[in-house]
Amino acid sequence: MSSFFTGMNLPRFVILIGFLASAVLAWFDYDLNMKLDDLRDAEQNRAPNLVRKIQSYSRRLTSLQDQLQDDVWVGQNNPGLYARTIAQDEKVNLGQVDVLPGSDERVVNGVVDKKYNIRPVNKNRGWAKYSLGNFLYKLEAESQRVRVTRVKIMQPAKRRSKPHEIPPDEWTYEVEITSRQRE
């Protein structure tokens, strides 16, 4: 080996450097070919599944965003405003309502059920059952976060009928709604 280096001249030096450089380049080529094979395998086998997942997630996101835009409750921290908006709808027309905060109940870690009681301001006035039904329906239909959990329908205090009489279609109400929220 020492005789090889003792007789080293420029052509031998170029041959030695060329041989070492080609060995290093062959190793880089092998490494890059292995990466290219992995990428081709991923393109052929894993990419179609990933694309399908991304498409399904994007459809779900679009659906949820559409639901969120339709939700009247969005951006409202005041449940009274939500209930009053529904009560004054042209198909409901219940007029003024009182919204009183009820109890808060922790469901799981970080999730709370907030309850609110809704009553008419004028307890002596009566409403038709279809108006009350529309009110209850719209409370749940207009928001994904609100559920009607208790309903009490009774005759107004000044219009109590006798047991043998058919009461007029005028009713008053008390409604409890529950909104599930993060803490």
Protein backbone atom coordinates (compact mmCIF):
# COMPACT_ATOMS: atom_id res chain seq x y z
CA MET A 1 0.00 0.00 0.00
CA SER A 2 2.86 2.34 0.77
CA SER A 3 4.29 1.69 -2.69
CA PHE A 4 1.01 2.92 -4.15
CA PHE A 5 1.34 6.26 -2.36
CA THR A 6 5.09 6.58 -2.99
CA GLY A 7 4.61 6.47 -6.70
CA MET A 8 1.56 8.82 -6.55
CA ASN A 9 1.35 11.13 -9.46
CA LEU A 10 -1.47 13.34 -10.75
CA PRO A 11 -3.22 10.71 -12.91
CA ARG A 12 -3.26 8.20 -10.05
CA PHE A 13 -4.50 10.90 -7.65
CA VAL A 14 -7.36 11.78 -10.04
CA ILE A 15 -8.25 8.09 -10.39
CA LEU A 16 -8.28 7.64 -6.58
CA ILE A 17 -10.43 10.75 -5.98
CA GLY A 18 -12.74 9.70 -8.83
CA PHE A 19 -13.15 6.23 -7.33
CA LEU A 20 -13.91 7.59 -3.84
CA ALA A 21 -16.30 10.21 -5.23
CA SER A 22 -18.11 7.58 -7.31
CA ALA A 23 -18.49 5.39 -4.18
CA VAL A 24 -20.00 8.30 -2.24
CA LEU A 25 -22.26 9.22 -5.16
CA ALA A 26 -23.34 5.57 -5.50
CA TRP A 27 -24.35 5.56 -1.81
CA PHE A 28 -26.34 8.83 -2.26
CA ASP A 29 -27.95 7.38 -5.38
CA TYR A 30 -28.96 4.22 -3.53
CA ASP A 31 -30.41 6.29 -0.65
CA LEU A 32 -32.36 8.55 -3.01
CA ASN A 33 -33.63 5.56 -5.00
CA MET A 34 -34.94 4.00 -1.76
CA LYS A 35 -36.74 7.26 -0.89
CA LEU A 36 -38.16 7.45 -4.40
CA ASP A 37 -39.44 3.87 -4.13
CA ASP A 38 -41.11 4.73 -0.80
CA LEU A 39 -42.75 7.78 -2.34
CA ARG A 40 -44.01 5.79 -5.33
CA ASP A 41 -45.39 3.16 -2.99
CA ALA A 42 -47.13 5.85 -0.94
CA GLU A 43 -48.54 7.43 -4.10
CA GLN A 44 -49.97 4.17 -5.35
CA ASN A 45 -51.19 2.64 -2.08
CA ARG A 46 -51.66 5.22 0.67
CA ALA A 47 -52.49 8.40 -1.24
CA PRO A 48 -55.91 7.31 -2.58
CA ASN A 49 -57.08 6.42 0.93
CA LEU A 50 -55.76 9.69 2.27
CA VAL A 51 -57.50 11.64 -0.49
CA ARG A 52 -60.81 9.91 0.30
CA LYS A 53 -60.42 10.75 3.99
CA ILE A 54 -59.65 14.39 3.22
CA GLN A 55 -62.68 14.59 0.93
CA SER A 56 -65.00 13.10 3.55
CA TYR A 57 -63.62 15.43 6.23
CA SER A 58 -64.08 18.44 3.96
CA ARG A 59 -67.70 17.43 3.24
CA ARG A 60 -68.33 17.04 6.97
CA LEU A 61 -66.74 20.42 7.66
CA THR A 62 -68.91 22.07 5.00
CA SER A 63 -72.01 20.44 6.48
CA LEU A 64 -71.13 21.58 9.99
CA GLN A 65 -70.39 25.12 8.79
CA ASP A 66 -73.78 25.24 7.06
CA GLN A 67 -75.47 24.11 10.27
CA LEU A 68 -73.54 26.69 12.23
CA GLN A 69 -74.65 29.49 9.91
CA ASP A 70 -78.28 28.44 10.35
CA ASP A 71 -77.94 28.37 14.13
CA VAL A 72 -79.61 31.46 15.65
CA TRP A 73 -77.81 30.87 18.94
CA VAL A 74 -74.37 31.49 17.39
CA GLY A 75 -72.62 34.48 18.85
CA GLN A 76 -75.32 35.09 21.45
CA ASN A 77 -74.27 34.75 25.04
CA ASN A 78 -77.66 35.96 26.20
CA PRO A 79 -80.28 33.20 26.27
CA GLY A 80 -82.97 35.80 26.84
CA LEU A 81 -82.29 37.34 23.45
CA TYR A 82 -82.54 33.93 21.78
CA ALA A 83 -85.86 33.05 23.47
CA ARG A 84 -87.30 36.53 22.85
CA THR A 85 -86.33 36.34 19.17
CA ILE A 86 -88.14 33.02 18.82
CA ALA A 87 -91.17 34.21 20.82
CA GLN A 88 -91.61 37.25 18.57
CA ASP A 89 -91.37 35.29 15.34
CA GLU A 90 -94.35 35.87 13.05
CA LYS A 91 -95.43 32.21 13.23
CA VAL A 92 -95.17 32.10 17.02
CA ASN A 93 -96.18 35.60 18.18
CA LEU A 94 -96.06 35.04 21.94
CA GLY A 95 -94.92 38.55 22.74
CA GLN A 96 -92.81 39.35 25.81
CA VAL A 97 -91.18 36.51 27.72
CA ASP A 98 -89.12 36.38 30.91
CA VAL A 99 -86.00 34.26 30.75
CA LEU A 100 -84.73 33.31 34.18
CA PRO A 101 -81.47 31.42 34.72
CA GLY A 102 -81.92 28.01 36.27
CA SER A 103 -79.41 25.59 37.65
CA ASP A 104 -76.12 24.61 36.02
CA GLU A 105 -75.29 20.93 35.95
CA ARG A 106 -71.84 19.56 35.14
CA VAL A 107 -72.23 16.63 32.74
CA VAL A 108 -68.61 15.64 32.20
CA ASN A 109 -65.28 17.40 32.60
CA GLY A 110 -65.47 20.73 30.77
CA VAL A 111 -69.16 20.40 29.74
CA VAL A 112 -72.03 22.11 31.56
CA ASP A 113 -75.79 21.93 31.01
CA LYS A 114 -77.16 25.44 31.59
CA LYS A 115 -80.88 25.57 32.25
CA TYR A 116 -83.15 28.56 31.70
CA ASN A 117 -86.83 29.01 32.56
CA ILE A 118 -89.05 30.86 30.09
CA ARG A 119 -92.39 32.33 31.19
CA PRO A 120 -94.74 34.88 29.68
CA VAL A 121 -94.55 38.38 31.14
CA ASN A 122 -98.36 38.58 31.26
CA LYS A 123 -99.51 35.48 33.14
CA ASN A 124 -103.22 36.33 32.71
CA ARG A 125 -103.13 36.25 28.94
CA GLY A 126 -103.65 33.01 27.01
CA TRP A 127 -102.27 31.73 23.71
CA ALA A 128 -103.48 29.12 21.28
CA LYS A 129 -101.89 25.68 21.44
CA TYR A 130 -100.52 25.99 17.91
CA SER A 131 -98.56 29.12 18.94
CA LEU A 132 -97.11 27.29 21.93
CA GLY A 133 -96.29 24.29 19.75
CA ASN A 134 -94.55 26.49 17.18
CA PHE A 135 -92.59 28.18 19.98
CA LEU A 136 -91.41 24.85 21.40
CA TYR A 137 -90.55 23.52 17.95
CA LYS A 138 -88.60 26.62 16.91
CA LEU A 139 -86.66 26.69 20.20
CA GLU A 140 -85.11 23.36 19.26
CA ALA A 141 -85.12 23.67 15.48
CA GLU A 142 -83.33 27.02 15.32
CA SER A 143 -80.37 25.88 17.42
CA GLN A 144 -78.36 22.68 17.69
CA ARG A 145 -77.40 23.57 21.28
CA VAL A 146 -80.85 24.08 22.83
CA ARG A 147 -83.26 21.39 23.94
CA VAL A 148 -86.65 21.83 25.61
CA THR A 149 -86.43 19.74 28.78
CA ARG A 150 -89.63 20.63 30.63
CA VAL A 151 -92.99 22.07 29.57
CA LYS A 152 -95.92 23.06 31.75
CA ILE A 153 -99.10 24.19 29.95
CA MET A 154 -102.03 25.45 32.00
CA GLN A 155 -105.05 27.72 31.79
CA PRO A 156 -104.52 31.37 32.61
CA ALA A 157 -105.29 32.26 36.24
CA LYS A 158 -108.27 34.51 35.45
CA ARG A 159 -109.92 32.04 33.04
CA ARG A 160 -110.21 28.83 35.04
CA SER A 161 -113.03 26.70 33.71
CA LYS A 162 -115.22 24.39 35.70
CA PRO A 163 -114.66 20.64 35.37
CA HIS A 164 -117.76 20.10 33.22
CA GLU A 165 -116.96 22.99 30.80
CA ILE A 166 -114.83 22.77 27.68
CA PRO A 167 -112.04 25.29 28.19
CA PRO A 168 -111.30 27.90 25.52
CA ASP A 169 -108.13 27.41 23.47
CA GLU A 170 -106.16 29.83 25.62
CA TRP A 171 -103.19 28.54 27.55
CA THR A 172 -100.23 29.90 29.46
CA TYR A 173 -96.92 28.10 29.84
CA GLU A 174 -93.64 27.58 31.62
CA VAL A 175 -90.76 26.13 29.61
CA GLU A 176 -87.33 24.97 30.71
CA ILE A 177 -84.61 24.86 28.06
CA THR A 178 -81.17 23.33 28.44
CA SER A 179 -78.09 24.43 26.59
CA ARG A 180 -75.01 22.20 26.65
CA GLN A 181 -71.88 24.35 26.66
CA ARG A 182 -68.19 24.11 27.33
CA GLU A 183 -66.93 25.72 30.48
